[in-house]
Amino acid sequence: MAGGNNKGNREALLDGAKRCLLEKGFDRSSVRDIATAAGVSTAAIGYHFGSREKLLFQALFALIDEWGDKAGRALVSADDPDADVVERYVRSWDELIAQARAHPDLWLTSVDLFMQARRNPDLLPQLADGMRQGRTGSAATILSVPEDEVSDEAARTVGMVQMALMSGVVIQALADPAHPPTGAAVLAGLRALADLGK
């Protein structure tokens, strides 16, 4: 029974920390805020995670995983067998941008993770691992292959560029909501860049 309660408290703390991150950000999420959101005592944070920072780091990574899941679903949902690869790519961007605008706090939390990693080098290995997984997942989605079939080269090229584009395009969509990017504009920009020097 106690083990189940401990597991419940741990999950409640992670959920509470995620809510605080989305509402207040990393720096303004206090121990008391998290414990109140989780419905547990402040001492439970130290017991389960060791510190407020370690709990918030885990919560941030959980949110980033959710961000990646949403991004992946946007790309996969565009996989219409009757549409050609270009049409699917454009549609996937339109869906991704729409999701970002519908859930801006979730997407902006990923920026917070990078800021915290700059202040706390202990977070960098986890961040680097998450980046590698993200590149592989992005390449797998674009190339329509299972992740375990993605080559290192594809992850370093296709995956890296797609992740860079996703971050930049989403930030632009949130920064200028009156004039958000479109899938067609992303494709046109890529084609124009590819033509440089020809």
N, C-alpha and C. Protein backbone atom coordinates (compact mmCIF):
# COMPACT_ATOMS: atom_id res chain seq x y z
N MET A 1 0.83 -1.20 0.00
CA MET A 1 0.00 0.00 0.00
C MET A 1 0.87 1.25 0.00
N ALA A 2 1.92 1.23 0.87
CA ALA A 2 2.78 2.40 0.94
C ALA A 2 3.48 2.64 -0.39
N GLY A 3 3.91 1.52 -1.03
CA GLY A 3 4.58 1.69 -2.32
C GLY A 3 3.68 2.32 -3.35
N GLY A 4 2.39 1.91 -3.33
CA GLY A 4 1.45 2.50 -4.27
C GLY A 4 1.25 3.97 -4.01
N ASN A 5 1.20 4.34 -2.69
CA ASN A 5 1.04 5.74 -2.34
C ASN A 5 2.25 6.55 -2.78
N ASN A 6 3.46 5.97 -2.58
CA ASN A 6 4.67 6.65 -3.01
C ASN A 6 4.68 6.87 -4.51
N LYS A 7 4.27 5.82 -5.25
CA LYS A 7 4.21 5.95 -6.70
C LYS A 7 3.19 7.01 -7.09
N GLY A 8 2.05 7.03 -6.39
CA GLY A 8 1.03 8.03 -6.67
C GLY A 8 1.52 9.43 -6.38
N ASN A 9 2.26 9.60 -5.28
CA ASN A 9 2.80 10.92 -4.94
C ASN A 9 3.82 11.37 -5.97
N ARG A 10 4.65 10.43 -6.42
CA ARG A 10 5.67 10.77 -7.42
C ARG A 10 5.01 11.25 -8.72
N GLU A 11 4.01 10.51 -9.17
CA GLU A 11 3.31 10.90 -10.39
C GLU A 11 2.57 12.22 -10.20
N ALA A 12 1.97 12.39 -9.01
CA ALA A 12 1.27 13.64 -8.74
C ALA A 12 2.23 14.83 -8.75
N LEU A 13 3.43 14.63 -8.22
CA LEU A 13 4.43 15.69 -8.23
C LEU A 13 4.87 16.04 -9.65
N LEU A 14 5.06 15.01 -10.48
CA LEU A 14 5.43 15.28 -11.87
C LEU A 14 4.33 16.06 -12.59
N ASP A 15 3.08 15.64 -12.38
CA ASP A 15 1.96 16.34 -13.00
C ASP A 15 1.87 17.78 -12.48
N GLY A 16 2.04 17.94 -11.17
CA GLY A 16 1.98 19.28 -10.59
C GLY A 16 3.10 20.16 -11.11
N ALA A 17 4.30 19.58 -11.22
CA ALA A 17 5.43 20.35 -11.73
C ALA A 17 5.21 20.76 -13.18
N LYS A 18 4.63 19.87 -13.98
CA LYS A 18 4.35 20.21 -15.38
C LYS A 18 3.36 21.37 -15.46
N ARG A 19 2.32 21.32 -14.62
CA ARG A 19 1.34 22.41 -14.63
C ARG A 19 1.99 23.73 -14.23
N CYS A 20 2.85 23.68 -13.21
CA CYS A 20 3.53 24.90 -12.78
C CYS A 20 4.45 25.44 -13.86
N LEU A 21 5.17 24.55 -14.53
CA LEU A 21 6.06 25.00 -15.60
C LEU A 21 5.28 25.72 -16.70
N LEU A 22 4.15 25.17 -17.07
CA LEU A 22 3.34 25.77 -18.13
C LEU A 22 2.73 27.09 -17.69
N GLU A 23 2.38 27.21 -16.41
CA GLU A 23 1.72 28.42 -15.92
C GLU A 23 2.70 29.49 -15.47
N LYS A 24 3.84 29.06 -14.87
CA LYS A 24 4.74 30.02 -14.25
C LYS A 24 6.15 30.04 -14.83
N GLY A 25 6.53 28.95 -15.50
CA GLY A 25 7.91 28.84 -15.96
C GLY A 25 8.79 28.22 -14.88
N PHE A 26 10.04 27.96 -15.24
CA PHE A 26 10.96 27.25 -14.34
C PHE A 26 11.28 28.07 -13.09
N ASP A 27 11.74 29.30 -13.29
CA ASP A 27 12.24 30.09 -12.17
C ASP A 27 11.16 30.47 -11.16
N ARG A 28 9.93 30.64 -11.61
CA ARG A 28 8.86 31.09 -10.70
C ARG A 28 8.04 29.94 -10.12
N SER A 29 8.39 28.71 -10.44
CA SER A 29 7.69 27.55 -9.87
C SER A 29 8.35 27.19 -8.54
N SER A 30 7.73 27.54 -7.44
CA SER A 30 8.31 27.28 -6.13
C SER A 30 7.95 25.89 -5.62
N VAL A 31 8.66 25.47 -4.58
CA VAL A 31 8.37 24.19 -3.93
C VAL A 31 6.93 24.16 -3.47
N ARG A 32 6.48 25.25 -2.87
CA ARG A 32 5.11 25.32 -2.38
C ARG A 32 4.10 25.24 -3.53
N ASP A 33 4.38 25.93 -4.63
CA ASP A 33 3.49 25.89 -5.80
C ASP A 33 3.32 24.45 -6.30
N ILE A 34 4.44 23.77 -6.44
CA ILE A 34 4.41 22.40 -6.97
C ILE A 34 3.66 21.47 -6.03
N ALA A 35 3.99 21.55 -4.74
CA ALA A 35 3.35 20.68 -3.76
C ALA A 35 1.84 20.93 -3.72
N THR A 36 1.45 22.19 -3.79
CA THR A 36 0.02 22.53 -3.78
C THR A 36 -0.67 21.97 -5.01
N ALA A 37 -0.04 22.14 -6.17
CA ALA A 37 -0.63 21.62 -7.41
C ALA A 37 -0.73 20.10 -7.38
N ALA A 38 0.21 19.45 -6.69
CA ALA A 38 0.22 17.99 -6.62
C ALA A 38 -0.67 17.45 -5.51
N GLY A 39 -1.01 18.31 -4.54
CA GLY A 39 -1.81 17.87 -3.41
C GLY A 39 -1.03 17.02 -2.43
N VAL A 40 0.29 17.29 -2.32
CA VAL A 40 1.13 16.55 -1.37
C VAL A 40 1.94 17.55 -0.55
N SER A 41 2.70 17.04 0.43
CA SER A 41 3.52 17.93 1.25
C SER A 41 4.77 18.35 0.50
N THR A 42 5.35 19.46 0.93
CA THR A 42 6.58 19.92 0.29
C THR A 42 7.73 18.94 0.53
N ALA A 43 7.69 18.21 1.65
CA ALA A 43 8.75 17.24 1.96
C ALA A 43 8.79 16.11 0.93
N ALA A 44 7.66 15.84 0.27
CA ALA A 44 7.61 14.76 -0.71
C ALA A 44 8.52 15.04 -1.90
N ILE A 45 8.76 16.31 -2.20
CA ILE A 45 9.64 16.64 -3.32
C ILE A 45 11.05 16.14 -3.05
N GLY A 46 11.57 16.43 -1.87
CA GLY A 46 12.90 15.96 -1.51
C GLY A 46 12.98 14.45 -1.45
N TYR A 47 11.93 13.83 -0.93
CA TYR A 47 11.91 12.37 -0.78
C TYR A 47 11.96 11.67 -2.14
N HIS A 48 11.16 12.16 -3.09
CA HIS A 48 11.05 11.48 -4.38
C HIS A 48 12.07 11.94 -5.41
N PHE A 49 12.48 13.21 -5.35
CA PHE A 49 13.32 13.74 -6.42
C PHE A 49 14.64 14.35 -5.94
N GLY A 50 14.76 14.59 -4.65
CA GLY A 50 15.99 15.16 -4.13
C GLY A 50 15.99 16.67 -4.05
N SER A 51 15.40 17.32 -5.02
CA SER A 51 15.35 18.79 -5.01
C SER A 51 14.29 19.29 -5.98
N ARG A 52 13.92 20.54 -5.80
CA ARG A 52 12.97 21.19 -6.71
C ARG A 52 13.50 21.17 -8.13
N GLU A 53 14.80 21.47 -8.29
CA GLU A 53 15.40 21.54 -9.62
C GLU A 53 15.34 20.21 -10.34
N LYS A 54 15.67 19.13 -9.63
CA LYS A 54 15.66 17.81 -10.26
C LYS A 54 14.24 17.42 -10.68
N LEU A 55 13.27 17.76 -9.84
CA LEU A 55 11.88 17.49 -10.21
C LEU A 55 11.48 18.28 -11.44
N LEU A 56 11.82 19.56 -11.46
CA LEU A 56 11.44 20.40 -12.59
C LEU A 56 12.14 19.95 -13.87
N PHE A 57 13.39 19.48 -13.76
CA PHE A 57 14.08 18.97 -14.95
C PHE A 57 13.33 17.77 -15.52
N GLN A 58 12.93 16.85 -14.64
CA GLN A 58 12.19 15.67 -15.12
C GLN A 58 10.87 16.08 -15.74
N ALA A 59 10.21 17.04 -15.11
CA ALA A 59 8.93 17.52 -15.65
C ALA A 59 9.13 18.19 -17.01
N LEU A 60 10.22 18.94 -17.15
CA LEU A 60 10.52 19.58 -18.43
C LEU A 60 10.72 18.54 -19.53
N PHE A 61 11.49 17.49 -19.22
CA PHE A 61 11.71 16.45 -20.22
C PHE A 61 10.41 15.74 -20.56
N ALA A 62 9.54 15.56 -19.58
CA ALA A 62 8.24 14.93 -19.85
C ALA A 62 7.43 15.80 -20.80
N LEU A 63 7.48 17.12 -20.59
CA LEU A 63 6.77 18.03 -21.48
C LEU A 63 7.35 18.03 -22.88
N ILE A 64 8.69 17.93 -22.95
CA ILE A 64 9.33 17.88 -24.26
C ILE A 64 8.93 16.61 -25.00
N ASP A 65 8.80 15.49 -24.26
CA ASP A 65 8.33 14.25 -24.87
C ASP A 65 6.92 14.44 -25.43
N GLU A 66 6.07 15.12 -24.67
CA GLU A 66 4.70 15.39 -25.15
C GLU A 66 4.76 16.26 -26.40
N TRP A 67 5.65 17.24 -26.40
CA TRP A 67 5.85 18.12 -27.56
C TRP A 67 6.24 17.29 -28.77
N GLY A 68 7.18 16.36 -28.58
CA GLY A 68 7.60 15.50 -29.68
C GLY A 68 6.48 14.60 -30.17
N ASP A 69 5.67 14.09 -29.23
CA ASP A 69 4.54 13.25 -29.63
C ASP A 69 3.55 14.04 -30.48
N LYS A 70 3.27 15.28 -30.08
CA LYS A 70 2.34 16.10 -30.86
C LYS A 70 2.91 16.39 -32.24
N ALA A 71 4.21 16.68 -32.29
CA ALA A 71 4.85 16.95 -33.58
C ALA A 71 4.79 15.72 -34.48
N GLY A 72 5.08 14.57 -33.89
CA GLY A 72 5.05 13.33 -34.66
C GLY A 72 3.66 13.02 -35.17
N ARG A 73 2.65 13.24 -34.34
CA ARG A 73 1.27 12.97 -34.77
C ARG A 73 0.88 13.91 -35.91
N ALA A 74 1.34 15.15 -35.85
CA ALA A 74 1.02 16.09 -36.93
C ALA A 74 1.61 15.60 -38.24
N LEU A 75 2.82 15.08 -38.20
CA LEU A 75 3.46 14.59 -39.42
C LEU A 75 2.83 13.29 -39.90
N VAL A 76 2.57 12.38 -38.97
CA VAL A 76 2.00 11.09 -39.36
C VAL A 76 0.58 11.25 -39.89
N SER A 77 -0.19 12.16 -39.28
CA SER A 77 -1.58 12.32 -39.72
C SER A 77 -1.68 12.83 -41.15
N ALA A 78 -0.59 13.42 -41.62
CA ALA A 78 -0.59 13.91 -43.00
C ALA A 78 -0.22 12.82 -43.99
N ASP A 79 -0.01 11.62 -43.50
CA ASP A 79 0.45 10.53 -44.36
C ASP A 79 -0.73 9.91 -45.12
N ASP A 80 -1.27 10.66 -46.04
CA ASP A 80 -2.39 10.21 -46.86
C ASP A 80 -1.82 9.44 -48.06
N PRO A 81 -2.18 8.16 -48.19
CA PRO A 81 -1.60 7.37 -49.29
C PRO A 81 -1.93 7.92 -50.66
N ASP A 82 -2.99 8.72 -50.76
CA ASP A 82 -3.37 9.27 -52.07
C ASP A 82 -2.64 10.59 -52.38
N ALA A 83 -1.93 11.12 -51.38
CA ALA A 83 -1.22 12.39 -51.59
C ALA A 83 0.25 12.10 -51.88
N ASP A 84 0.87 12.93 -52.72
CA ASP A 84 2.28 12.71 -52.98
C ASP A 84 3.10 13.25 -51.81
N VAL A 85 4.40 12.97 -51.83
CA VAL A 85 5.25 13.30 -50.69
C VAL A 85 5.30 14.80 -50.44
N VAL A 86 5.26 15.61 -51.49
CA VAL A 86 5.29 17.06 -51.32
C VAL A 86 4.01 17.55 -50.66
N GLU A 87 2.88 17.03 -51.12
CA GLU A 87 1.60 17.43 -50.54
C GLU A 87 1.53 17.05 -49.06
N ARG A 88 2.01 15.85 -48.73
CA ARG A 88 2.00 15.41 -47.33
C ARG A 88 2.90 16.30 -46.48
N TYR A 89 4.05 16.67 -47.02
CA TYR A 89 4.99 17.50 -46.27
C TYR A 89 4.39 18.87 -45.98
N VAL A 90 3.78 19.47 -46.98
CA VAL A 90 3.14 20.79 -46.79
C VAL A 90 2.01 20.69 -45.76
N ARG A 91 1.19 19.66 -45.90
CA ARG A 91 0.07 19.50 -44.97
C ARG A 91 0.56 19.26 -43.54
N SER A 92 1.65 18.51 -43.41
CA SER A 92 2.18 18.25 -42.07
C SER A 92 2.62 19.54 -41.39
N TRP A 93 3.20 20.46 -42.16
CA TRP A 93 3.60 21.73 -41.58
C TRP A 93 2.39 22.55 -41.16
N ASP A 94 1.36 22.57 -41.98
CA ASP A 94 0.15 23.32 -41.60
C ASP A 94 -0.45 22.78 -40.31
N GLU A 95 -0.45 21.45 -40.16
CA GLU A 95 -1.00 20.85 -38.95
C GLU A 95 -0.11 21.13 -37.75
N LEU A 96 1.19 21.08 -37.94
CA LEU A 96 2.13 21.34 -36.86
C LEU A 96 2.01 22.78 -36.37
N ILE A 97 1.93 23.72 -37.29
CA ILE A 97 1.80 25.13 -36.92
C ILE A 97 0.47 25.38 -36.20
N ALA A 98 -0.59 24.72 -36.66
CA ALA A 98 -1.88 24.86 -36.00
C ALA A 98 -1.81 24.33 -34.57
N GLN A 99 -1.13 23.20 -34.36
CA GLN A 99 -0.99 22.65 -33.01
C GLN A 99 -0.18 23.59 -32.12
N ALA A 100 0.86 24.16 -32.66
CA ALA A 100 1.69 25.08 -31.86
C ALA A 100 0.88 26.29 -31.42
N ARG A 101 0.06 26.80 -32.31
CA ARG A 101 -0.75 27.97 -31.97
C ARG A 101 -1.85 27.61 -30.98
N ALA A 102 -2.32 26.37 -31.03
CA ALA A 102 -3.36 25.93 -30.09
C ALA A 102 -2.79 25.62 -28.71
N HIS A 103 -1.52 25.23 -28.64
CA HIS A 103 -0.89 24.87 -27.37
C HIS A 103 0.46 25.58 -27.22
N PRO A 104 0.47 26.91 -27.18
CA PRO A 104 1.74 27.64 -27.17
C PRO A 104 2.60 27.37 -25.94
N ASP A 105 1.98 27.20 -24.76
CA ASP A 105 2.78 27.00 -23.56
C ASP A 105 3.59 25.71 -23.63
N LEU A 106 3.00 24.68 -24.20
CA LEU A 106 3.71 23.41 -24.32
C LEU A 106 4.96 23.57 -25.19
N TRP A 107 4.83 24.29 -26.28
CA TRP A 107 5.97 24.46 -27.19
C TRP A 107 7.03 25.38 -26.59
N LEU A 108 6.59 26.44 -25.89
CA LEU A 108 7.55 27.39 -25.33
C LEU A 108 8.33 26.79 -24.16
N THR A 109 7.78 25.76 -23.53
CA THR A 109 8.50 25.11 -22.44
C THR A 109 9.81 24.53 -22.93
N SER A 110 9.86 24.12 -24.19
CA SER A 110 11.11 23.56 -24.72
C SER A 110 12.22 24.61 -24.72
N VAL A 111 11.86 25.88 -24.92
CA VAL A 111 12.85 26.95 -24.88
C VAL A 111 13.41 27.07 -23.46
N ASP A 112 12.53 26.91 -22.47
CA ASP A 112 12.95 26.99 -21.07
C ASP A 112 13.99 25.92 -20.76
N LEU A 113 13.84 24.75 -21.35
CA LEU A 113 14.78 23.67 -21.10
C LEU A 113 16.18 24.06 -21.54
N PHE A 114 16.31 24.70 -22.68
CA PHE A 114 17.62 25.12 -23.16
C PHE A 114 18.23 26.18 -22.25
N MET A 115 17.40 27.09 -21.75
CA MET A 115 17.88 28.12 -20.84
C MET A 115 18.40 27.50 -19.55
N GLN A 116 17.67 26.52 -19.01
CA GLN A 116 18.10 25.87 -17.78
C GLN A 116 19.39 25.08 -18.00
N ALA A 117 19.54 24.47 -19.17
CA ALA A 117 20.75 23.70 -19.45
C ALA A 117 21.98 24.59 -19.48
N ARG A 118 21.82 25.82 -19.92
CA ARG A 118 22.94 26.76 -19.93
C ARG A 118 23.36 27.11 -18.51
N ARG A 119 22.40 27.14 -17.60
CA ARG A 119 22.72 27.49 -16.20
C ARG A 119 23.17 26.28 -15.40
N ASN A 120 22.79 25.09 -15.82
CA ASN A 120 23.11 23.88 -15.07
C ASN A 120 23.72 22.85 -16.01
N PRO A 121 25.05 22.79 -16.10
CA PRO A 121 25.70 21.85 -17.03
C PRO A 121 25.35 20.39 -16.77
N ASP A 122 24.88 20.06 -15.55
CA ASP A 122 24.50 18.67 -15.28
C ASP A 122 23.34 18.22 -16.15
N LEU A 123 22.59 19.17 -16.67
CA LEU A 123 21.44 18.85 -17.51
C LEU A 123 21.84 18.56 -18.95
N LEU A 124 23.04 19.00 -19.35
CA LEU A 124 23.44 18.90 -20.75
C LEU A 124 23.45 17.47 -21.31
N PRO A 125 23.96 16.47 -20.56
CA PRO A 125 23.91 15.11 -21.13
C PRO A 125 22.50 14.64 -21.44
N GLN A 126 21.54 14.95 -20.55
CA GLN A 126 20.15 14.58 -20.81
C GLN A 126 19.62 15.33 -22.02
N LEU A 127 19.98 16.59 -22.12
CA LEU A 127 19.52 17.39 -23.26
C LEU A 127 20.09 16.86 -24.56
N ALA A 128 21.38 16.52 -24.55
CA ALA A 128 22.02 15.99 -25.75
C ALA A 128 21.38 14.67 -26.17
N ASP A 129 21.08 13.81 -25.19
CA ASP A 129 20.43 12.54 -25.50
C ASP A 129 19.05 12.77 -26.10
N GLY A 130 18.32 13.73 -25.53
CA GLY A 130 17.00 14.06 -26.07
C GLY A 130 17.08 14.59 -27.50
N MET A 131 18.12 15.38 -27.79
CA MET A 131 18.31 15.89 -29.14
C MET A 131 18.58 14.76 -30.12
N ARG A 132 19.43 13.81 -29.70
CA ARG A 132 19.73 12.69 -30.59
C ARG A 132 18.48 11.87 -30.89
N GLN A 133 17.68 11.63 -29.87
CA GLN A 133 16.44 10.89 -30.08
C GLN A 133 15.49 11.67 -30.99
N GLY A 134 15.45 12.99 -30.79
CA GLY A 134 14.58 13.82 -31.61
C GLY A 134 14.99 13.82 -33.07
N ARG A 135 16.30 13.87 -33.33
CA ARG A 135 16.77 13.84 -34.72
C ARG A 135 16.39 12.52 -35.39
N THR A 136 16.57 11.43 -34.65
CA THR A 136 16.23 10.12 -35.21
C THR A 136 14.74 10.02 -35.49
N GLY A 137 13.93 10.46 -34.53
CA GLY A 137 12.48 10.41 -34.71
C GLY A 137 12.00 11.27 -35.85
N SER A 138 12.58 12.46 -35.98
CA SER A 138 12.19 13.35 -37.07
C SER A 138 12.56 12.75 -38.43
N ALA A 139 13.76 12.19 -38.51
CA ALA A 139 14.17 11.57 -39.77
C ALA A 139 13.27 10.39 -40.12
N ALA A 140 12.92 9.59 -39.12
CA ALA A 140 12.06 8.43 -39.35
C ALA A 140 10.71 8.87 -39.91
N THR A 141 10.17 9.94 -39.35
CA THR A 141 8.86 10.42 -39.81
C THR A 141 8.94 10.96 -41.23
N ILE A 142 9.95 11.75 -41.52
CA ILE A 142 10.09 12.32 -42.86
C ILE A 142 10.34 11.23 -43.90
N LEU A 143 11.16 10.26 -43.55
CA LEU A 143 11.52 9.21 -44.51
C LEU A 143 10.54 8.04 -44.52
N SER A 144 9.56 8.07 -43.60
CA SER A 144 8.55 7.01 -43.50
C SER A 144 9.18 5.64 -43.29
N VAL A 145 10.11 5.58 -42.32
CA VAL A 145 10.74 4.31 -41.95
C VAL A 145 10.72 4.19 -40.42
N PRO A 146 10.81 2.98 -39.88
CA PRO A 146 10.91 2.82 -38.42
C PRO A 146 12.19 3.48 -37.90
N GLU A 147 12.15 3.94 -36.65
CA GLU A 147 13.30 4.64 -36.08
C GLU A 147 14.56 3.78 -36.08
N ASP A 148 14.40 2.46 -35.87
CA ASP A 148 15.60 1.62 -35.82
C ASP A 148 16.22 1.39 -37.19
N GLU A 149 15.57 1.90 -38.23
CA GLU A 149 16.14 1.80 -39.58
C GLU A 149 16.77 3.11 -40.05
N VAL A 150 16.72 4.13 -39.20
CA VAL A 150 17.30 5.43 -39.56
C VAL A 150 18.81 5.36 -39.40
N SER A 151 19.55 5.69 -40.44
CA SER A 151 21.01 5.67 -40.36
C SER A 151 21.50 6.89 -39.58
N ASP A 152 22.74 6.79 -39.08
CA ASP A 152 23.34 7.93 -38.39
C ASP A 152 23.40 9.15 -39.30
N GLU A 153 23.71 8.90 -40.57
CA GLU A 153 23.80 10.00 -41.54
C GLU A 153 22.45 10.69 -41.72
N ALA A 154 21.38 9.91 -41.82
CA ALA A 154 20.04 10.50 -41.99
C ALA A 154 19.64 11.29 -40.75
N ALA A 155 19.98 10.79 -39.57
CA ALA A 155 19.65 11.51 -38.34
C ALA A 155 20.42 12.83 -38.28
N ARG A 156 21.71 12.80 -38.70
CA ARG A 156 22.55 14.01 -38.65
C ARG A 156 22.18 15.03 -39.71
N THR A 157 21.51 14.60 -40.77
CA THR A 157 21.18 15.53 -41.85
C THR A 157 19.69 15.83 -41.88
N VAL A 158 18.90 14.87 -42.32
CA VAL A 158 17.45 15.07 -42.43
C VAL A 158 16.83 15.40 -41.07
N GLY A 159 17.18 14.60 -40.06
CA GLY A 159 16.62 14.82 -38.73
C GLY A 159 17.03 16.15 -38.14
N MET A 160 18.30 16.50 -38.28
CA MET A 160 18.80 17.76 -37.73
C MET A 160 18.13 18.96 -38.37
N VAL A 161 18.04 18.95 -39.70
CA VAL A 161 17.43 20.09 -40.40
C VAL A 161 15.94 20.20 -40.06
N GLN A 162 15.25 19.06 -40.02
CA GLN A 162 13.82 19.11 -39.70
C GLN A 162 13.58 19.64 -38.30
N MET A 163 14.40 19.23 -37.33
CA MET A 163 14.25 19.73 -35.96
C MET A 163 14.55 21.23 -35.89
N ALA A 164 15.57 21.66 -36.60
CA ALA A 164 15.91 23.08 -36.61
C ALA A 164 14.77 23.90 -37.21
N LEU A 165 14.22 23.38 -38.30
CA LEU A 165 13.09 24.06 -38.93
C LEU A 165 11.88 24.12 -37.99
N MET A 166 11.59 23.01 -37.33
CA MET A 166 10.43 22.97 -36.45
C MET A 166 10.55 24.03 -35.36
N SER A 167 11.70 24.08 -34.70
CA SER A 167 11.88 25.06 -33.63
C SER A 167 11.73 26.48 -34.15
N GLY A 168 12.41 26.78 -35.25
CA GLY A 168 12.38 28.14 -35.78
C GLY A 168 11.02 28.56 -36.31
N VAL A 169 10.37 27.66 -37.03
CA VAL A 169 9.06 27.99 -37.60
C VAL A 169 8.02 28.17 -36.50
N VAL A 170 8.05 27.31 -35.49
CA VAL A 170 7.09 27.42 -34.39
C VAL A 170 7.29 28.73 -33.64
N ILE A 171 8.53 29.10 -33.36
CA ILE A 171 8.79 30.36 -32.65
C ILE A 171 8.27 31.54 -33.47
N GLN A 172 8.47 31.50 -34.78
CA GLN A 172 7.95 32.59 -35.62
C GLN A 172 6.44 32.62 -35.61
N ALA A 173 5.80 31.46 -35.62
CA ALA A 173 4.34 31.42 -35.60
C ALA A 173 3.79 32.00 -34.31
N LEU A 174 4.48 31.74 -33.20
CA LEU A 174 4.00 32.25 -31.91
C LEU A 174 4.36 33.72 -31.71
N ALA A 175 5.48 34.16 -32.29
CA ALA A 175 5.90 35.54 -32.13
C ALA A 175 5.09 36.50 -32.98
N ASP A 176 4.58 36.02 -34.12
CA ASP A 176 3.81 36.88 -35.03
C ASP A 176 2.53 36.15 -35.42
N PRO A 177 1.61 35.99 -34.46
CA PRO A 177 0.41 35.18 -34.74
C PRO A 177 -0.48 35.74 -35.84
N ALA A 178 -0.37 37.03 -36.12
CA ALA A 178 -1.19 37.61 -37.19
C ALA A 178 -0.69 37.19 -38.57
N HIS A 179 0.58 36.79 -38.66
CA HIS A 179 1.15 36.39 -39.95
C HIS A 179 1.93 35.09 -39.78
N PRO A 180 1.27 33.99 -39.42
CA PRO A 180 2.00 32.74 -39.18
C PRO A 180 2.54 32.14 -40.47
N PRO A 181 3.64 31.41 -40.37
CA PRO A 181 4.15 30.71 -41.55
C PRO A 181 3.13 29.66 -42.02
N THR A 182 3.29 29.21 -43.24
CA THR A 182 2.45 28.14 -43.77
C THR A 182 3.33 27.02 -44.29
N GLY A 183 2.75 25.86 -44.47
CA GLY A 183 3.50 24.75 -45.03
C GLY A 183 4.03 25.07 -46.41
N ALA A 184 3.22 25.73 -47.21
CA ALA A 184 3.65 26.09 -48.57
C ALA A 184 4.84 27.03 -48.52
N ALA A 185 4.83 27.98 -47.56
CA ALA A 185 5.94 28.92 -47.45
C ALA A 185 7.22 28.21 -47.00
N VAL A 186 7.09 27.25 -46.08
CA VAL A 186 8.26 26.49 -45.64
C VAL A 186 8.88 25.76 -46.83
N LEU A 187 8.04 25.09 -47.61
CA LEU A 187 8.55 24.35 -48.77
C LEU A 187 9.18 25.29 -49.79
N ALA A 188 8.52 26.42 -50.05
CA ALA A 188 9.07 27.38 -51.02
C ALA A 188 10.42 27.91 -50.55
N GLY A 189 10.54 28.17 -49.26
CA GLY A 189 11.81 28.65 -48.72
C GLY A 189 12.91 27.63 -48.85
N LEU A 190 12.58 26.36 -48.56
CA LEU A 190 13.58 25.29 -48.69
C LEU A 190 14.03 25.16 -50.14
N ARG A 191 13.08 25.24 -51.05
CA ARG A 191 13.45 25.11 -52.47
C ARG A 191 14.32 26.28 -52.92
N ALA A 192 14.01 27.48 -52.46
CA ALA A 192 14.80 28.64 -52.83
C ALA A 192 16.22 28.52 -52.27
N LEU A 193 16.34 28.05 -51.03
CA LEU A 193 17.67 27.88 -50.46
C LEU A 193 18.46 26.81 -51.21
N ALA A 194 17.78 25.73 -51.59
CA ALA A 194 18.46 24.66 -52.32
C ALA A 194 18.95 25.13 -53.69
N ASP A 195 18.29 26.14 -54.25
CA ASP A 195 18.67 26.64 -55.57
C ASP A 195 19.83 27.62 -55.52
N LEU A 196 20.23 28.06 -54.32
CA LEU A 196 21.33 29.02 -54.21
C LEU A 196 22.60 28.43 -54.81
N GLY A 197 23.24 29.22 -55.61
CA GLY A 197 24.51 28.75 -56.18
C GLY A 197 24.39 27.91 -57.43
N LYS A 198 23.15 27.64 -57.84
CA LYS A 198 22.99 26.82 -59.05
C LYS A 198 23.27 27.65 -60.30
